[in-house]
Amino acid sequence: MDTHALSHEIEAYDLSSCIIHYRKKLIYHYEKAQQASSQVMPINSCTKSVLSALICIAMNQGLVAPPNTLLSHYFPQLRHEQDERKKNISLEHLLTLTAGFQWNEFGGINSFPTMTRSSDWVQYTLAQPMSDVPGARMVYNSGVSQLLAAILVQATGMELSRFAKLNLFMPLGIEQYHWKIDPQGIHTGGFGLQLSANDLLKIGLLYLHRGVWHNQQLISSDMVECSTKSAIAATPPERGFYGWHWWSDDVPVTTLQNPSDSVDLHYYYARGFGGQFIIIVPSLETVVVLTRKHRKKGLLPLDLFRQHIAPLLMNPQI
């Protein structure tokens, strides 16, 4: 696989790192600076996908209730809500960002910035009015991720970082990480985790191998499949679909065998604001990790994958 052209494209995107693991081999490893891939950095909303993994592990262990369990199971005060829609929010609605809360992630009264300025992020999120029937529409909402983080703490009886260390980080050999907390000391569910690009690759490979790491089943294969499948269409202008805090989509790729026709290549991915990605392509046994320290206007790392990396993967003889 000729990656010289890819290296030229990467420079325009100002990536910190680009790692491609293809069919059991590391075939490409770019670093803008020496040791960039081994240094921890904010992964922003990729934190959501790590949280999803922890929820799946806790469900496997019988600590967190099944996905159809109502949110009121963990927050009984919701049973007294006047709005019946709020009483019907389930854990799966939280995981698929379809809880129905009135929310504008990046601005306004009901927003992520306003939540982070409140004295209690969980209560702030629970207090928001409803705009939709649960399950009807995906609305990006880091507040519901914080609800899931609080549920994990409540269900496991330990700090989120400790549960992660025992059940995910230590088995994967992830030793260096930082994780922010909210005013109540609950680790942030929607952002705030710092990991290295090399450790993001480990998480991607865990999912590629359906929850198995070094012959140990960390997450059941059923949970991996359930959490990463396309559950609901993303709200425009976003594209693709959303699962349990994982995105998914297809990219049309032309092959040398059929240059007049294209094949839809399916992938799912974790995405962090600014340019952090873990992209899994099951049919090609591939994981792609992209990281970037600063957002670059007009250039989206996912476009690099769709326009340049995916065609290379589909035509490895190029």
C-alpha atoms as a PDB file:
ATOM      1  CA  MET A   1       0.000   0.000   0.000  1.00  0.00           C
ATOM      2  CA  ASP A   2       1.502   3.307  -1.130  1.00  0.00           C
ATOM      3  CA  THR A   3       1.108   5.816   1.711  1.00  0.00           C
ATOM      4  CA  HIS A   4       3.296   8.600   0.305  1.00  0.00           C
ATOM      5  CA  ALA A   5       0.316  10.486  -1.082  1.00  0.00           C
ATOM      6  CA  LEU A   6      -1.485  10.033   2.234  1.00  0.00           C
ATOM      7  CA  SER A   7       1.414  11.638   4.118  1.00  0.00           C
ATOM      8  CA  HIS A   8       1.167  14.667   1.847  1.00  0.00           C
ATOM      9  CA  GLU A   9      -2.590  14.993   2.524  1.00  0.00           C
ATOM     10  CA  ILE A  10      -2.140  14.659   6.283  1.00  0.00           C
ATOM     11  CA  GLU A  11       0.028  17.757   6.439  1.00  0.00           C
ATOM     12  CA  ALA A  12      -2.882  19.903   5.234  1.00  0.00           C
ATOM     13  CA  TYR A  13      -5.082  18.627   8.064  1.00  0.00           C
ATOM     14  CA  ASP A  14      -2.515  19.505  10.745  1.00  0.00           C
ATOM     15  CA  LEU A  15      -2.931  16.133  12.461  1.00  0.00           C
ATOM     16  CA  SER A  16      -0.923  15.240  15.531  1.00  0.00           C
ATOM     17  CA  SER A  17      -1.049  11.555  14.622  1.00  0.00           C
ATOM     18  CA  CYS A  18      -2.521   9.079  12.179  1.00  0.00           C
ATOM     19  CA  ILE A  19      -2.363   5.348  12.876  1.00  0.00           C
ATOM     20  CA  ILE A  20      -3.696   2.642  10.562  1.00  0.00           C
ATOM     21  CA  HIS A  21      -3.914  -0.972  11.734  1.00  0.00           C
ATOM     22  CA  TYR A  22      -4.909  -3.164   8.773  1.00  0.00           C
ATOM     23  CA  ARG A  23      -5.476  -6.922   8.805  1.00  0.00           C
ATOM     24  CA  LYS A  24      -3.485  -7.645  11.971  1.00  0.00           C
ATOM     25  CA  LYS A  25      -0.612  -5.312  11.080  1.00  0.00           C
ATOM     26  CA  LEU A  26       0.338  -1.735  11.834  1.00  0.00           C
ATOM     27  CA  ILE A  27       0.792  -0.413   8.296  1.00  0.00           C
ATOM     28  CA  TYR A  28       1.007   3.333   8.857  1.00  0.00           C
ATOM     29  CA  HIS A  29       2.065   5.500  11.782  1.00  0.00           C
ATOM     30  CA  TYR A  30       2.376   9.260  11.351  1.00  0.00           C
ATOM     31  CA  GLU A  31       3.437  11.655  14.117  1.00  0.00           C
ATOM     32  CA  LYS A  32       3.697  15.402  13.662  1.00  0.00           C
ATOM     33  CA  ALA A  33       6.124  15.565  16.597  1.00  0.00           C
ATOM     34  CA  GLN A  34       8.274  12.892  18.159  1.00  0.00           C
ATOM     35  CA  GLN A  35       6.349  10.683  20.616  1.00  0.00           C
ATOM     36  CA  ALA A  36       3.073  12.467  19.786  1.00  0.00           C
ATOM     37  CA  SER A  37       1.194   9.151  19.702  1.00  0.00           C
ATOM     38  CA  SER A  38       2.278   8.196  23.209  1.00  0.00           C
ATOM     39  CA  GLN A  39       1.391  11.488  24.905  1.00  0.00           C
ATOM     40  CA  VAL A  40      -1.999  11.849  26.581  1.00  0.00           C
ATOM     41  CA  MET A  41      -4.241  14.532  25.145  1.00  0.00           C
ATOM     42  CA  PRO A  42      -7.891  15.566  25.498  1.00  0.00           C
ATOM     43  CA  ILE A  43     -10.041  13.182  23.454  1.00  0.00           C
ATOM     44  CA  ASN A  44     -13.139  15.330  24.033  1.00  0.00           C
ATOM     45  CA  SER A  45     -16.313  13.477  23.010  1.00  0.00           C
ATOM     46  CA  CYS A  46     -14.472  10.232  22.302  1.00  0.00           C
ATOM     47  CA  THR A  47     -14.982  10.020  26.073  1.00  0.00           C
ATOM     48  CA  LYS A  48     -18.606   9.147  25.267  1.00  0.00           C
ATOM     49  CA  SER A  49     -17.569   5.965  23.459  1.00  0.00           C
ATOM     50  CA  VAL A  50     -15.290   4.932  26.332  1.00  0.00           C
ATOM     51  CA  LEU A  51     -18.243   5.528  28.666  1.00  0.00           C
ATOM     52  CA  SER A  52     -20.359   3.309  26.407  1.00  0.00           C
ATOM     53  CA  ALA A  53     -17.787   0.528  26.777  1.00  0.00           C
ATOM     54  CA  LEU A  54     -17.957   0.852  30.564  1.00  0.00           C
ATOM     55  CA  ILE A  55     -21.759   0.779  30.534  1.00  0.00           C
ATOM     56  CA  CYS A  56     -21.647  -2.406  28.438  1.00  0.00           C
ATOM     57  CA  ILE A  57     -19.160  -4.013  30.841  1.00  0.00           C
ATOM     58  CA  ALA A  58     -21.328  -3.078  33.820  1.00  0.00           C
ATOM     59  CA  MET A  59     -24.414  -4.506  32.107  1.00  0.00           C
ATOM     60  CA  ASN A  60     -22.485  -7.721  31.381  1.00  0.00           C
ATOM     61  CA  GLN A  61     -21.627  -7.930  35.078  1.00  0.00           C
ATOM     62  CA  GLY A  62     -25.249  -7.365  36.092  1.00  0.00           C
ATOM     63  CA  LEU A  63     -24.378  -4.114  37.853  1.00  0.00           C
ATOM     64  CA  VAL A  64     -26.260  -1.763  35.516  1.00  0.00           C
ATOM     65  CA  ALA A  65     -29.846  -2.661  34.648  1.00  0.00           C
ATOM     66  CA  PRO A  66     -30.844  -3.661  31.077  1.00  0.00           C
ATOM     67  CA  PRO A  67     -31.153  -0.910  28.444  1.00  0.00           C
ATOM     68  CA  ASN A  68     -34.962  -0.821  28.549  1.00  0.00           C
ATOM     69  CA  THR A  69     -34.879   0.114  32.260  1.00  0.00           C
ATOM     70  CA  LEU A  70     -36.456   3.489  32.986  1.00  0.00           C
ATOM     71  CA  LEU A  71     -34.240   6.348  34.104  1.00  0.00           C
ATOM     72  CA  SER A  72     -36.477   6.717  37.155  1.00  0.00           C
ATOM     73  CA  HIS A  73     -35.005   3.437  38.438  1.00  0.00           C
ATOM     74  CA  TYR A  74     -31.870   5.432  39.272  1.00  0.00           C
ATOM     75  CA  PHE A  75     -33.493   8.823  39.802  1.00  0.00           C
ATOM     76  CA  PRO A  76     -36.818   8.116  41.575  1.00  0.00           C
ATOM     77  CA  GLN A  77     -37.765  11.808  41.635  1.00  0.00           C
ATOM     78  CA  LEU A  78     -38.676  11.490  37.961  1.00  0.00           C
ATOM     79  CA  ARG A  79     -41.713   9.399  38.929  1.00  0.00           C
ATOM     80  CA  HIS A  80     -43.335  12.598  40.196  1.00  0.00           C
ATOM     81  CA  GLU A  81     -42.764  14.606  37.010  1.00  0.00           C
ATOM     82  CA  GLN A  82     -45.841  16.192  35.461  1.00  0.00           C
ATOM     83  CA  ASP A  83     -44.551  15.608  31.946  1.00  0.00           C
ATOM     84  CA  GLU A  84     -45.254  11.937  31.206  1.00  0.00           C
ATOM     85  CA  ARG A  85     -42.557  11.924  28.542  1.00  0.00           C
ATOM     86  CA  LYS A  86     -39.846  12.377  31.145  1.00  0.00           C
ATOM     87  CA  LYS A  87     -41.145   9.364  33.069  1.00  0.00           C
ATOM     88  CA  ASN A  88     -40.631   7.205  29.974  1.00  0.00           C
ATOM     89  CA  ILE A  89     -36.925   7.907  29.388  1.00  0.00           C
ATOM     90  CA  SER A  90     -34.930   4.668  29.376  1.00  0.00           C
ATOM     91  CA  LEU A  91     -31.210   3.952  29.627  1.00  0.00           C
ATOM     92  CA  GLU A  92     -31.166   3.188  25.911  1.00  0.00           C
ATOM     93  CA  HIS A  93     -32.639   6.610  25.203  1.00  0.00           C
ATOM     94  CA  LEU A  94     -29.678   8.115  27.053  1.00  0.00           C
ATOM     95  CA  LEU A  95     -27.189   5.968  25.154  1.00  0.00           C
ATOM     96  CA  THR A  96     -28.671   6.887  21.756  1.00  0.00           C
ATOM     97  CA  LEU A  97     -29.073  10.590  22.649  1.00  0.00           C
ATOM     98  CA  THR A  98     -32.823  10.329  22.115  1.00  0.00           C
ATOM     99  CA  ALA A  99     -33.942  11.159  25.681  1.00  0.00           C
ATOM    100  CA  GLY A 100     -36.095  14.034  24.411  1.00  0.00           C
ATOM    101  CA  PHE A 101     -34.721  16.858  26.553  1.00  0.00           C
ATOM    102  CA  GLN A 102     -34.830  20.385  25.156  1.00  0.00           C
ATOM    103  CA  TRP A 103     -31.131  20.988  24.537  1.00  0.00           C
ATOM    104  CA  ASN A 104     -28.727  22.961  22.366  1.00  0.00           C
ATOM    105  CA  GLU A 105     -25.292  21.480  22.995  1.00  0.00           C
ATOM    106  CA  PHE A 106     -23.149  24.514  22.240  1.00  0.00           C
ATOM    107  CA  GLY A 107     -25.290  27.492  23.190  1.00  0.00           C
ATOM    108  CA  GLY A 108     -28.389  28.870  24.844  1.00  0.00           C
ATOM    109  CA  ILE A 109     -30.005  28.275  28.198  1.00  0.00           C
ATOM    110  CA  ASN A 110     -30.309  24.500  27.800  1.00  0.00           C
ATOM    111  CA  SER A 111     -26.740  23.718  26.813  1.00  0.00           C
ATOM    112  CA  PHE A 112     -23.459  22.034  27.630  1.00  0.00           C
ATOM    113  CA  PRO A 113     -21.692  25.322  28.564  1.00  0.00           C
ATOM    114  CA  THR A 114     -24.526  26.307  30.913  1.00  0.00           C
ATOM    115  CA  MET A 115     -24.464  22.850  32.507  1.00  0.00           C
ATOM    116  CA  THR A 116     -20.739  23.135  33.230  1.00  0.00           C
ATOM    117  CA  ARG A 117     -21.355  26.458  35.010  1.00  0.00           C
ATOM    118  CA  SER A 118     -24.059  24.949  37.232  1.00  0.00           C
ATOM    119  CA  SER A 119     -23.406  23.618  40.732  1.00  0.00           C
ATOM    120  CA  ASP A 120     -24.856  20.150  39.977  1.00  0.00           C
ATOM    121  CA  TRP A 121     -24.629  18.865  36.405  1.00  0.00           C
ATOM    122  CA  VAL A 122     -26.856  15.828  36.965  1.00  0.00           C
ATOM    123  CA  GLN A 123     -29.676  17.793  38.541  1.00  0.00           C
ATOM    124  CA  TYR A 124     -29.313  20.496  35.884  1.00  0.00           C
ATOM    125  CA  THR A 125     -29.817  17.915  33.121  1.00  0.00           C
ATOM    126  CA  LEU A 126     -32.725  16.181  34.843  1.00  0.00           C
ATOM    127  CA  ALA A 127     -34.459  19.535  35.329  1.00  0.00           C
ATOM    128  CA  GLN A 128     -34.499  20.406  31.624  1.00  0.00           C
ATOM    129  CA  PRO A 129     -37.918  20.473  29.925  1.00  0.00           C
ATOM    130  CA  MET A 130     -38.840  17.948  27.281  1.00  0.00           C
ATOM    131  CA  SER A 131     -39.116  18.772  23.586  1.00  0.00           C
ATOM    132  CA  ASP A 132     -39.676  15.287  22.133  1.00  0.00           C
ATOM    133  CA  VAL A 133     -41.097  11.896  22.952  1.00  0.00           C
ATOM    134  CA  PRO A 134     -38.166   9.707  24.077  1.00  0.00           C
ATOM    135  CA  GLY A 135     -36.770   7.769  21.146  1.00  0.00           C
ATOM    136  CA  ALA A 136     -38.167  10.081  18.484  1.00  0.00           C
ATOM    137  CA  ARG A 137     -35.140  12.216  17.623  1.00  0.00           C
ATOM    138  CA  MET A 138     -31.401  12.290  18.247  1.00  0.00           C
ATOM    139  CA  VAL A 139     -30.195  15.513  19.913  1.00  0.00           C
ATOM    140  CA  TYR A 140     -26.524  15.784  20.823  1.00  0.00           C
ATOM    141  CA  ASN A 141     -26.446  16.186  24.597  1.00  0.00           C
ATOM    142  CA  SER A 142     -23.433  15.792  26.901  1.00  0.00           C
ATOM    143  CA  GLY A 143     -25.790  16.174  29.844  1.00  0.00           C
ATOM    144  CA  VAL A 144     -27.278  12.718  29.303  1.00  0.00           C
ATOM    145  CA  SER A 145     -23.727  11.336  29.176  1.00  0.00           C
ATOM    146  CA  GLN A 146     -23.239  12.788  32.650  1.00  0.00           C
ATOM    147  CA  LEU A 147     -26.416  11.005  33.751  1.00  0.00           C
ATOM    148  CA  LEU A 148     -24.910   7.736  32.504  1.00  0.00           C
ATOM    149  CA  ALA A 149     -21.672   8.459  34.385  1.00  0.00           C
ATOM    150  CA  ALA A 150     -23.674   9.078  37.571  1.00  0.00           C
ATOM    151  CA  ILE A 151     -25.613   5.846  37.010  1.00  0.00           C
ATOM    152  CA  LEU A 152     -22.344   3.906  36.725  1.00  0.00           C
ATOM    153  CA  VAL A 153     -21.119   5.365  40.005  1.00  0.00           C
ATOM    154  CA  GLN A 154     -24.426   4.538  41.668  1.00  0.00           C
ATOM    155  CA  ALA A 155     -24.555   1.000  40.242  1.00  0.00           C
ATOM    156  CA  THR A 156     -20.927  -0.010  40.811  1.00  0.00           C
ATOM    157  CA  GLY A 157     -20.383   1.735  44.129  1.00  0.00           C
ATOM    158  CA  MET A 158     -17.020   3.125  43.015  1.00  0.00           C
ATOM    159  CA  GLU A 159     -15.529   6.064  41.175  1.00  0.00           C
ATOM    160  CA  LEU A 160     -15.885   5.878  37.417  1.00  0.00           C
ATOM    161  CA  SER A 161     -12.119   6.053  36.901  1.00  0.00           C
ATOM    162  CA  ARG A 162     -11.574   3.112  39.264  1.00  0.00           C
ATOM    163  CA  PHE A 163     -14.186   0.988  37.505  1.00  0.00           C
ATOM    164  CA  ALA A 164     -12.535   1.909  34.197  1.00  0.00           C
ATOM    165  CA  LYS A 165      -9.075   1.087  35.523  1.00  0.00           C
ATOM    166  CA  LEU A 166     -10.092  -2.348  36.825  1.00  0.00           C
ATOM    167  CA  ASN A 167     -12.267  -3.429  33.925  1.00  0.00           C
ATOM    168  CA  LEU A 168     -10.885  -1.686  30.831  1.00  0.00           C
ATOM    169  CA  PHE A 169      -7.680   0.297  31.235  1.00  0.00           C
ATOM    170  CA  MET A 170      -5.583  -2.273  33.131  1.00  0.00           C
ATOM    171  CA  PRO A 171      -6.552  -5.202  30.863  1.00  0.00           C
ATOM    172  CA  LEU A 172      -5.682  -3.069  27.798  1.00  0.00           C
ATOM    173  CA  GLY A 173      -2.401  -1.923  29.319  1.00  0.00           C
ATOM    174  CA  ILE A 174      -3.522   1.723  29.504  1.00  0.00           C
ATOM    175  CA  GLU A 175      -1.447   3.276  32.271  1.00  0.00           C
ATOM    176  CA  GLN A 176      -1.442   7.022  31.632  1.00  0.00           C
ATOM    177  CA  TYR A 177      -4.711   8.975  31.625  1.00  0.00           C
ATOM    178  CA  HIS A 178      -6.373  12.003  33.158  1.00  0.00           C
ATOM    179  CA  TRP A 179     -10.107  12.469  33.711  1.00  0.00           C
ATOM    180  CA  LYS A 180     -11.995  15.572  34.776  1.00  0.00           C
ATOM    181  CA  ILE A 181     -14.741  15.520  37.413  1.00  0.00           C
ATOM    182  CA  ASP A 182     -17.950  17.498  37.944  1.00  0.00           C
ATOM    183  CA  PRO A 183     -18.754  19.498  41.122  1.00  0.00           C
ATOM    184  CA  GLN A 184     -20.019  16.311  42.814  1.00  0.00           C
ATOM    185  CA  GLY A 185     -16.786  14.454  42.050  1.00  0.00           C
ATOM    186  CA  ILE A 186     -18.315  12.327  39.271  1.00  0.00           C
ATOM    187  CA  HIS A 187     -15.974  11.837  36.329  1.00  0.00           C
ATOM    188  CA  THR A 188     -17.223  13.519  33.192  1.00  0.00           C
ATOM    189  CA  GLY A 189     -19.164  11.252  30.857  1.00  0.00           C
ATOM    190  CA  GLY A 190     -19.352  13.345  27.710  1.00  0.00           C
ATOM    191  CA  PHE A 191     -15.816  14.755  27.561  1.00  0.00           C
ATOM    192  CA  GLY A 192     -12.813  15.338  29.817  1.00  0.00           C
ATOM    193  CA  LEU A 193     -10.841  12.107  29.400  1.00  0.00           C
ATOM    194  CA  GLN A 194      -7.240  12.299  28.205  1.00  0.00           C
ATOM    195  CA  LEU A 195      -5.626   9.309  26.499  1.00  0.00           C
ATOM    196  CA  SER A 196      -2.826   8.779  23.996  1.00  0.00           C
ATOM    197  CA  ALA A 197      -3.363   7.906  20.337  1.00  0.00           C
ATOM    198  CA  ASN A 198      -1.686   4.549  20.957  1.00  0.00           C
ATOM    199  CA  ASP A 199      -4.239   3.782  23.665  1.00  0.00           C
ATOM    200  CA  LEU A 200      -7.119   4.889  21.433  1.00  0.00           C
ATOM    201  CA  LEU A 201      -5.869   2.249  18.995  1.00  0.00           C
ATOM    202  CA  LYS A 202      -6.178  -0.381  21.732  1.00  0.00           C
ATOM    203  CA  ILE A 203      -9.823   0.566  22.280  1.00  0.00           C
ATOM    204  CA  GLY A 204     -10.444   0.375  18.545  1.00  0.00           C
ATOM    205  CA  LEU A 205      -8.833  -3.059  18.305  1.00  0.00           C
ATOM    206  CA  LEU A 206     -10.894  -4.276  21.274  1.00  0.00           C
ATOM    207  CA  TYR A 207     -14.044  -3.368  19.357  1.00  0.00           C
ATOM    208  CA  LEU A 208     -12.745  -4.734  16.058  1.00  0.00           C
ATOM    209  CA  HIS A 209     -12.195  -8.069  17.820  1.00  0.00           C
ATOM    210  CA  ARG A 210     -15.729  -7.955  19.265  1.00  0.00           C
ATOM    211  CA  GLY A 211     -14.695  -7.295  22.849  1.00  0.00           C
ATOM    212  CA  VAL A 212     -11.756  -9.711  23.026  1.00  0.00           C
ATOM    213  CA  TRP A 213      -8.277  -8.615  24.109  1.00  0.00           C
ATOM    214  CA  HIS A 214      -5.451 -11.184  24.379  1.00  0.00           C
ATOM    215  CA  ASN A 215      -7.979 -14.043  24.597  1.00  0.00           C
ATOM    216  CA  GLN A 216      -9.925 -12.287  27.363  1.00  0.00           C
ATOM    217  CA  GLN A 217     -13.536 -11.254  26.710  1.00  0.00           C
ATOM    218  CA  LEU A 218     -13.700  -7.765  28.241  1.00  0.00           C
ATOM    219  CA  ILE A 219     -17.059  -6.894  26.628  1.00  0.00           C
ATOM    220  CA  SER A 220     -19.489  -9.491  25.343  1.00  0.00           C
ATOM    221  CA  SER A 221     -19.694  -9.708  21.550  1.00  0.00           C
ATOM    222  CA  ASP A 222     -23.454  -9.135  21.785  1.00  0.00           C
ATOM    223  CA  MET A 223     -22.882  -5.859  23.626  1.00  0.00           C
ATOM    224  CA  VAL A 224     -20.263  -4.731  21.107  1.00  0.00           C
ATOM    225  CA  GLU A 225     -22.683  -5.406  18.260  1.00  0.00           C
ATOM    226  CA  CYS A 226     -25.656  -3.815  20.024  1.00  0.00           C
ATOM    227  CA  SER A 227     -23.786  -0.682  21.030  1.00  0.00           C
ATOM    228  CA  THR A 228     -22.207   0.030  17.641  1.00  0.00           C
ATOM    229  CA  LYS A 229     -25.074  -0.742  15.274  1.00  0.00           C
ATOM    230  CA  SER A 230     -27.016   2.105  13.637  1.00  0.00           C
ATOM    231  CA  ALA A 231     -29.870   2.879  16.038  1.00  0.00           C
ATOM    232  CA  ILE A 232     -31.191   6.219  14.779  1.00  0.00           C
ATOM    233  CA  ALA A 233     -30.433   8.655  11.979  1.00  0.00           C
ATOM    234  CA  ALA A 234     -28.248  11.561  13.048  1.00  0.00           C
ATOM    235  CA  THR A 235     -29.862  14.987  13.147  1.00  0.00           C
ATOM    236  CA  PRO A 236     -28.844  17.166  10.157  1.00  0.00           C
ATOM    237  CA  PRO A 237     -26.391  18.687   9.434  1.00  0.00           C
ATOM    238  CA  GLU A 238     -24.729  15.602  10.943  1.00  0.00           C
ATOM    239  CA  ARG A 239     -24.566  12.608   8.628  1.00  0.00           C
ATOM    240  CA  GLY A 240     -24.963   8.892   9.197  1.00  0.00           C
ATOM    241  CA  PHE A 241     -26.379   7.218  12.272  1.00  0.00           C
ATOM    242  CA  TYR A 242     -25.896   7.003  16.018  1.00  0.00           C
ATOM    243  CA  GLY A 243     -25.735   3.953  18.296  1.00  0.00           C
ATOM    244  CA  TRP A 244     -24.842   3.741  21.984  1.00  0.00           C
ATOM    245  CA  HIS A 245     -22.523   6.757  22.028  1.00  0.00           C
ATOM    246  CA  TRP A 246     -20.901   5.547  18.782  1.00  0.00           C
ATOM    247  CA  TRP A 247     -21.417   7.054  15.308  1.00  0.00           C
ATOM    248  CA  SER A 248     -21.768   4.966  12.136  1.00  0.00           C
ATOM    249  CA  ASP A 249     -21.902   5.600   8.406  1.00  0.00           C
ATOM    250  CA  ASP A 250     -21.016   4.259   4.948  1.00  0.00           C
ATOM    251  CA  VAL A 251     -18.605   5.682   2.403  1.00  0.00           C
ATOM    252  CA  PRO A 252     -18.861   4.891  -1.330  1.00  0.00           C
ATOM    253  CA  VAL A 253     -15.494   3.690  -2.625  1.00  0.00           C
ATOM    254  CA  THR A 254     -14.493   2.789  -6.166  1.00  0.00           C
ATOM    255  CA  THR A 255     -12.379  -0.348  -6.586  1.00  0.00           C
ATOM    256  CA  LEU A 256      -9.883  -1.175  -9.317  1.00  0.00           C
ATOM    257  CA  GLN A 257     -11.917  -4.262 -10.170  1.00  0.00           C
ATOM    258  CA  ASN A 258     -15.048  -2.165 -10.849  1.00  0.00           C
ATOM    259  CA  PRO A 259     -13.930   1.409 -11.549  1.00  0.00           C
ATOM    260  CA  SER A 260     -17.320   2.339 -13.000  1.00  0.00           C
ATOM    261  CA  ASP A 261     -19.153   1.332  -9.846  1.00  0.00           C
ATOM    262  CA  SER A 262     -18.695   1.982  -6.134  1.00  0.00           C
ATOM    263  CA  VAL A 263     -19.003  -0.155  -3.031  1.00  0.00           C
ATOM    264  CA  ASP A 264     -20.479   1.143   0.229  1.00  0.00           C
ATOM    265  CA  LEU A 265     -17.903   0.617   2.956  1.00  0.00           C
ATOM    266  CA  HIS A 266     -19.472   0.533   6.430  1.00  0.00           C
ATOM    267  CA  TYR A 267     -17.615   1.911   9.440  1.00  0.00           C
ATOM    268  CA  TYR A 268     -18.388   3.093  12.960  1.00  0.00           C
ATOM    269  CA  TYR A 269     -16.426   5.563  14.997  1.00  0.00           C
ATOM    270  CA  ALA A 270     -15.816   7.601  18.133  1.00  0.00           C
ATOM    271  CA  ARG A 271     -15.507  11.328  17.512  1.00  0.00           C
ATOM    272  CA  GLY A 272     -14.057  14.127  19.613  1.00  0.00           C
ATOM    273  CA  PHE A 273     -14.398  17.853  19.000  1.00  0.00           C
ATOM    274  CA  GLY A 274     -11.396  19.245  17.161  1.00  0.00           C
ATOM    275  CA  GLY A 275     -10.366  16.076  15.364  1.00  0.00           C
ATOM    276  CA  GLN A 276     -10.008  12.963  17.560  1.00  0.00           C
ATOM    277  CA  PHE A 277     -11.277   9.764  15.937  1.00  0.00           C
ATOM    278  CA  ILE A 278     -11.292   6.014  16.462  1.00  0.00           C
ATOM    279  CA  ILE A 279     -12.618   4.534  13.208  1.00  0.00           C
ATOM    280  CA  ILE A 280     -13.396   0.809  12.944  1.00  0.00           C
ATOM    281  CA  VAL A 281     -13.947  -0.843   9.551  1.00  0.00           C
ATOM    282  CA  PRO A 282     -15.031  -4.418  10.379  1.00  0.00           C
ATOM    283  CA  SER A 283     -15.111  -5.767   6.797  1.00  0.00           C
ATOM    284  CA  LEU A 284     -11.477  -4.755   6.244  1.00  0.00           C
ATOM    285  CA  GLU A 285     -10.288  -5.667   9.764  1.00  0.00           C
ATOM    286  CA  THR A 286      -9.061  -2.109  10.146  1.00  0.00           C
ATOM    287  CA  VAL A 287      -8.779   0.508  12.866  1.00  0.00           C
ATOM    288  CA  VAL A 288      -7.803   4.094  12.058  1.00  0.00           C
ATOM    289  CA  VAL A 289      -6.885   6.597  14.781  1.00  0.00           C
ATOM    290  CA  LEU A 290      -6.684  10.313  14.011  1.00  0.00           C
ATOM    291  CA  THR A 291      -5.763  13.008  16.541  1.00  0.00           C
ATOM    292  CA  ARG A 292      -5.369  16.766  16.316  1.00  0.00           C
ATOM    293  CA  LYS A 293      -4.626  19.306  19.039  1.00  0.00           C
ATOM    294  CA  HIS A 294      -6.355  22.270  17.442  1.00  0.00           C
ATOM    295  CA  ARG A 295      -9.410  22.535  15.253  1.00  0.00           C
ATOM    296  CA  LYS A 296      -8.598  23.631  11.688  1.00  0.00           C
ATOM    297  CA  LYS A 297     -11.356  25.551   9.954  1.00  0.00           C
ATOM    298  CA  GLY A 298     -12.756  23.870   6.877  1.00  0.00           C
ATOM    299  CA  LEU A 299     -10.735  20.645   7.132  1.00  0.00           C
ATOM    300  CA  LEU A 300     -12.373  17.704   8.902  1.00  0.00           C
ATOM    301  CA  PRO A 301     -10.270  14.625   9.689  1.00  0.00           C
ATOM    302  CA  LEU A 302     -13.237  12.399   8.871  1.00  0.00           C
ATOM    303  CA  ASP A 303     -13.018  13.737   5.304  1.00  0.00           C
ATOM    304  CA  LEU A 304      -9.402  12.564   5.219  1.00  0.00           C
ATOM    305  CA  PHE A 305     -10.624   9.075   6.050  1.00  0.00           C
ATOM    306  CA  ARG A 306     -13.503   9.134   3.572  1.00  0.00           C
ATOM    307  CA  GLN A 307     -11.635  10.701   0.651  1.00  0.00           C
ATOM    308  CA  HIS A 308      -8.133   9.279   1.006  1.00  0.00           C
ATOM    309  CA  ILE A 309      -7.753   6.494   3.582  1.00  0.00           C
ATOM    310  CA  ALA A 310     -10.846   4.450   2.668  1.00  0.00           C
ATOM    311  CA  PRO A 311      -9.895   4.254  -1.052  1.00  0.00           C
ATOM    312  CA  LEU A 312      -6.378   3.121  -0.075  1.00  0.00           C
ATOM    313  CA  LEU A 313      -7.819   0.408   2.164  1.00  0.00           C
ATOM    314  CA  MET A 314     -10.138  -0.818  -0.579  1.00  0.00           C
ATOM    315  CA  ASN A 315      -7.322  -0.773  -3.153  1.00  0.00           C
ATOM    316  CA  PRO A 316      -4.234  -1.881  -1.183  1.00  0.00           C
ATOM    317  CA  GLN A 317      -2.322  -2.632  -4.396  1.00  0.00           C
ATOM    318  CA  ILE A 318      -2.242   1.105  -5.245  1.00  0.00           C
END
